[in-house]
Protein backbone atom coordinates (compact mmCIF):
# COMPACT_ATOMS: atom_id res chain seq x y z
CA UNK A 1 -22.92 24.34 3.98
CA UNK A 2 -19.85 25.94 2.65
CA UNK A 3 -15.90 25.66 3.22
CA UNK A 4 -13.60 28.36 4.43
CA UNK A 5 -10.04 27.19 3.87
CA UNK A 6 -8.13 25.09 4.94
CA UNK A 7 -7.19 24.52 8.73
CA UNK A 8 -4.00 22.56 8.19
CA UNK A 9 -2.17 19.96 6.46
CA UNK A 10 -0.20 17.18 7.79
CA UNK A 11 2.56 15.60 6.67
CA UNK A 12 4.64 12.38 7.10
CA UNK A 13 8.38 12.94 7.94
CA UNK A 14 11.34 10.26 7.95
CA UNK A 15 13.85 12.68 10.03
CA UNK A 16 11.64 15.07 12.27
CA UNK A 17 14.80 16.78 13.17
CA UNK A 18 15.77 18.55 10.10
CA UNK A 19 11.96 18.63 8.71
CA UNK A 20 11.52 20.88 11.67
CA UNK A 21 14.64 22.54 11.27
CA UNK A 22 13.78 23.18 7.51
CA UNK A 23 10.07 24.64 8.39
CA UNK A 24 11.27 26.45 11.18
CA UNK A 25 14.74 27.82 10.54
CA UNK A 26 14.57 28.04 6.61
CA UNK A 27 10.47 29.29 6.01
CA UNK A 28 10.66 30.73 9.38
CA UNK A 29 7.21 29.01 10.85
CA UNK A 30 7.62 28.41 14.73
CA UNK A 31 6.05 25.31 16.89
CA UNK A 32 3.50 25.61 19.10
CA UNK A 33 2.25 22.67 22.11
CA UNK A 34 0.59 19.74 20.68
CA UNK A 35 -1.91 17.69 22.59
CA UNK A 36 -0.74 15.98 25.12
CA UNK A 37 -1.94 12.67 24.43
CA UNK A 38 -0.06 12.25 21.29
CA UNK A 39 1.90 9.05 21.70
CA UNK A 40 3.84 9.26 18.57
CA UNK A 41 6.52 11.78 17.82
CA UNK A 42 6.02 15.08 16.04
CA UNK A 43 5.12 18.50 16.08
CA UNK A 44 3.00 21.28 14.99
CA UNK A 45 3.36 24.58 13.06
CA UNK A 46 2.61 27.71 12.70
CA UNK A 47 2.64 31.22 11.41
CA UNK A 48 4.57 33.41 14.00
CA UNK A 49 2.55 36.37 13.61
CA UNK A 50 -0.79 34.12 13.97
CA UNK A 51 -2.45 33.26 17.12
CA UNK A 52 -0.76 30.12 17.50
CA UNK A 53 -3.28 28.39 15.09
CA UNK A 54 -1.01 25.22 13.54
CA UNK A 55 -1.10 25.27 9.57
CA UNK A 56 1.35 21.96 9.77
CA UNK A 57 0.97 18.81 11.54
CA UNK A 58 4.49 16.84 11.53
CA UNK A 59 3.88 13.02 11.81
CA UNK A 60 7.17 11.15 12.64
CA UNK A 61 7.90 7.92 13.79
CA UNK A 62 5.21 4.81 13.83
CA UNK A 63 2.10 7.91 12.60
CA UNK A 64 4.53 8.27 9.41
CA UNK A 65 5.26 4.31 8.33
CA UNK A 66 2.82 2.55 5.92
CA UNK A 67 1.53 -0.38 6.86
CA UNK A 68 4.79 -2.10 5.96
CA UNK A 69 6.51 0.08 8.43
CA UNK A 70 8.47 2.44 6.05
CA UNK A 71 8.19 6.19 5.91
CA UNK A 72 8.02 7.81 3.01
CA UNK A 73 11.45 9.54 1.44
CA UNK A 74 9.75 11.60 -1.56
CA UNK A 75 6.60 12.38 -3.09
CA UNK A 76 7.04 11.47 -6.18
CA UNK A 77 4.22 9.10 -6.95
CA UNK A 78 2.05 11.10 -3.84
CA UNK A 79 -1.43 12.31 -5.49
CA UNK A 80 -1.14 15.92 -3.70
CA UNK A 81 1.52 17.92 -6.14
CA UNK A 82 1.87 20.61 -3.68
CA UNK A 83 1.15 22.82 -0.71
CA UNK A 84 1.05 26.53 -0.98
CA UNK A 85 1.60 28.90 1.83
CA UNK A 86 1.20 32.72 1.63
CA UNK A 87 4.65 34.57 1.86
CA UNK A 88 6.54 38.23 1.70
CA UNK A 89 9.29 39.00 0.40
CA UNK A 90 10.18 37.24 -2.78
CA UNK A 91 13.63 38.30 -3.44
CA UNK A 92 15.16 37.41 0.02
CA UNK A 93 13.61 34.10 -0.18
CA UNK A 94 15.14 33.63 -3.41
CA UNK A 95 18.21 35.01 -1.59
CA UNK A 96 17.94 32.57 0.67
CA UNK A 97 17.58 29.28 -0.50
CA UNK A 98 20.42 30.53 -3.08
CA UNK A 99 22.62 30.70 -0.14
CA UNK A 100 21.58 26.96 1.59
CA UNK A 101 21.58 25.44 -1.64
CA UNK A 102 17.97 24.51 -2.01
CA UNK A 103 16.66 24.66 -5.56
CA UNK A 104 13.31 26.78 -6.43
CA UNK A 105 11.43 27.00 -9.33
CA UNK A 106 9.68 30.66 -9.68
CA UNK A 107 7.12 31.90 -11.69
CA UNK A 108 4.39 35.03 -12.66
CA UNK A 109 1.52 33.43 -14.61
CA UNK A 110 0.27 35.80 -17.58
CA UNK A 111 2.12 38.88 -15.68
CA UNK A 112 -0.46 38.47 -12.89
CA UNK A 113 -0.41 39.90 -9.53
CA UNK A 114 0.96 36.81 -8.07
CA UNK A 115 4.44 35.58 -8.08
CA UNK A 116 5.09 31.54 -6.66
CA UNK A 117 8.34 30.02 -5.64
CA UNK A 118 8.79 26.54 -5.46
CA UNK A 119 10.94 24.58 -3.22
CA UNK A 120 10.75 20.70 -1.46
CA UNK A 121 11.21 20.46 2.18
CA UNK A 122 14.10 17.55 2.98
CA UNK A 123 10.61 14.47 3.09
CA UNK A 124 10.65 15.36 -0.99
CA UNK A 125 7.12 17.58 -0.27
CA UNK A 126 6.66 20.59 -2.86
CA UNK A 127 5.80 23.91 -1.07
CA UNK A 128 4.58 26.71 -3.21
CA UNK A 129 4.78 30.17 -1.12
CA UNK A 130 2.90 32.60 -2.94
CA UNK A 131 3.91 36.48 -3.04
CA UNK A 132 1.79 39.30 -3.64
CA UNK A 133 3.23 41.34 -6.14
CA UNK A 134 0.99 44.66 -4.55
CA UNK A 135 3.04 44.17 -0.96
CA UNK A 136 6.37 43.38 -2.71
CA UNK A 137 8.25 46.70 -3.99
CA UNK A 138 11.28 44.43 -5.56
CA UNK A 139 8.52 42.79 -7.72
CA UNK A 140 8.66 42.83 -10.86
CA UNK A 141 12.23 40.40 -11.51
CA UNK A 142 13.49 38.63 -14.24
CA UNK A 143 12.89 34.98 -14.01
CA UNK A 144 15.83 33.05 -15.51
CA UNK A 145 14.51 30.08 -18.18
CA UNK A 146 16.51 27.60 -15.92
CA UNK A 147 14.30 28.82 -12.58
CA UNK A 148 10.78 28.33 -14.34
CA UNK A 149 8.66 26.58 -12.83
CA UNK A 150 6.88 23.64 -15.04
CA UNK A 151 4.34 21.74 -13.59
CA UNK A 152 5.80 18.55 -14.24
CA UNK A 153 9.64 18.63 -13.28
CA UNK A 154 10.69 17.05 -11.09
CA UNK A 155 13.80 18.89 -9.12
CA UNK A 156 13.92 17.29 -5.42
CA UNK A 157 16.98 16.40 -4.96
CA UNK A 158 17.67 14.84 -1.28
CA UNK A 159 21.44 15.70 -1.66
CA UNK A 160 20.68 19.45 -1.13
CA UNK A 161 19.52 19.13 2.28
CA UNK A 162 22.69 17.45 3.71
CA UNK A 163 23.55 20.71 5.56
CA UNK A 164 20.44 21.06 7.43
CA UNK A 165 20.74 17.57 8.49
CA UNK A 166 24.05 18.40 9.95
CA UNK A 167 22.59 21.75 11.41
CA UNK A 168 19.68 19.71 12.88
CA UNK A 169 22.07 17.39 14.92
């Protein structure tokens, strides 16, 4: 017996269009076909250079709702802290998030070869982008103390996603 890796992660979205805009236009994932038999709104997203293997399933509408019909709008009390994806372009992502006004936190544990950047999606789900220093010629870079990641800090601010809502509309 063995586990080979994470096949995909499924998230619930209160606003499907804003969520898709974030994952496609901000993070660069691509939408791929999902089974026609699914009767609820949603999308499957894959890494652009992959063979269309979806790593993220987005559920919307009734499939995203709890037993009371409510859709979560933040993951503050969720049991899963974050989802991590491999990424390239640490300083480009840093500048991209700053331009969009999306808060990010950064870390490099003990000067190791992995660098991390944490952001939230419009639903409050924390996403970790993990970078390999060997593939990042601009690293190392200084991390300002106010941008340093602290595991217990909640820095999700839904107001930062208003511009994304306008672009998704």
